[in-house]
Amino acid sequence: MKKLYIIGNGFDRYHGLPTSYECFNCFMCREHPEEHEKIGRVFDSKDTTMLWSDFENKLGELDISGLIYRNLSAWAKEPLHKFENEFDDLYNKLVLYFQEWVKQINMACANSKRLELDKTAYYLNFNYTETLEYLYRLDKTQILYIHNKINKDSDLVPIFGHGKNNSDVSKFVHENSAVIKNRIVESQQMPSWEDTIDGFEEEIVHEISTFLNDLRKKTEEIIDKKPFFSEKQGPSFDDIFVLGHSLAEVDLPYFEKIACKSPNAKWHVSYRDDDLRDLKRIAENICKIPYATNVKLITLDKLRVNNDNA
């Protein structure tokens, strides 16, 4: 297999599937309205829609100041185990609802558009859906679901998250430690399980740091575990097609690894033909990938087969 297709969310959306984060937002509003409001306000006290507009990136932008202001009094009255469990519970619900949302996406809702894909190629799929298997009848052995495949019969957990590393998270939280301490002093409220202001502050910093680290997309760990990315075992390619992927910062380590293993490959990268901002963003992001110098920008319609019912 000398040809690689890298499949992103834009691929599913091109086929009419409701897989955007806005669709996740609508699902949460419809199925879990109270939790939707609560989770949204954890990340932004002023606009609860901000989280859902750019879900993965916003997961790393917790509104610590607002979170402390709204919750410190309640935390001071809670037993330690309940305070600690609040963040675990929030994380678990986010994962559960995200998984629930993906499971209810119906492949039968896809439109008639089909692309001219090489059935002998290898596919690196960033999506959780079975679009390649269901619509294109590709064998599952040709597809690596890098963030897990989710269907109604699967118990796999979807891998998603922000792109901050451990040190970024630590720096971000500690930059807000003075805000946390000042709020404790102002409120003059202390929990029964802590005697000092510094101790209460440290406990809050620890819980928030753990929560944000849980929400990381641990790309380097995934790369280390997958033989596909191995220097010795992993394949190299002559042609690489990036279809419907934004080349977002959080996923760049995957692309860097692929490019280093296939330094002479020709890259064919799609962009939305109705969005000049997308074209600019794709062009800027592809420049961040080493060895990806032989690049052709395309639209998905350029790969569309003549017969829509094919």
Foldseek 3Di string as FASTA:
>chain_A
DQEEEEEDPQVQVVQVWQDALVSLLVLCCPPPVVLLQVLLCQQPVPDSCVCSNPPFASLLRGPVLSNLVVPVVVLQADDPVVNLVVLVVNLVVVQVSVLVSQQPTDLVSTFLWDFQDDLVAAYEYCDQEPNCCPVVVRDCVRYDNLQYHHYPPDPDTGQGHYQDDLVRLLVVLVVCLVSNLVSCVVVVGHHPVDDDSVVVSVVVSVSSSVSRNSRARPVVVSLVPDLCLDLPRHDAHQEYEYARDLLDPNCVVVQQSNCVSHLNHAYEYEFAPVDVVSVVSSVVNLVVHPSHPRYDYDHRVVRIDPDSND
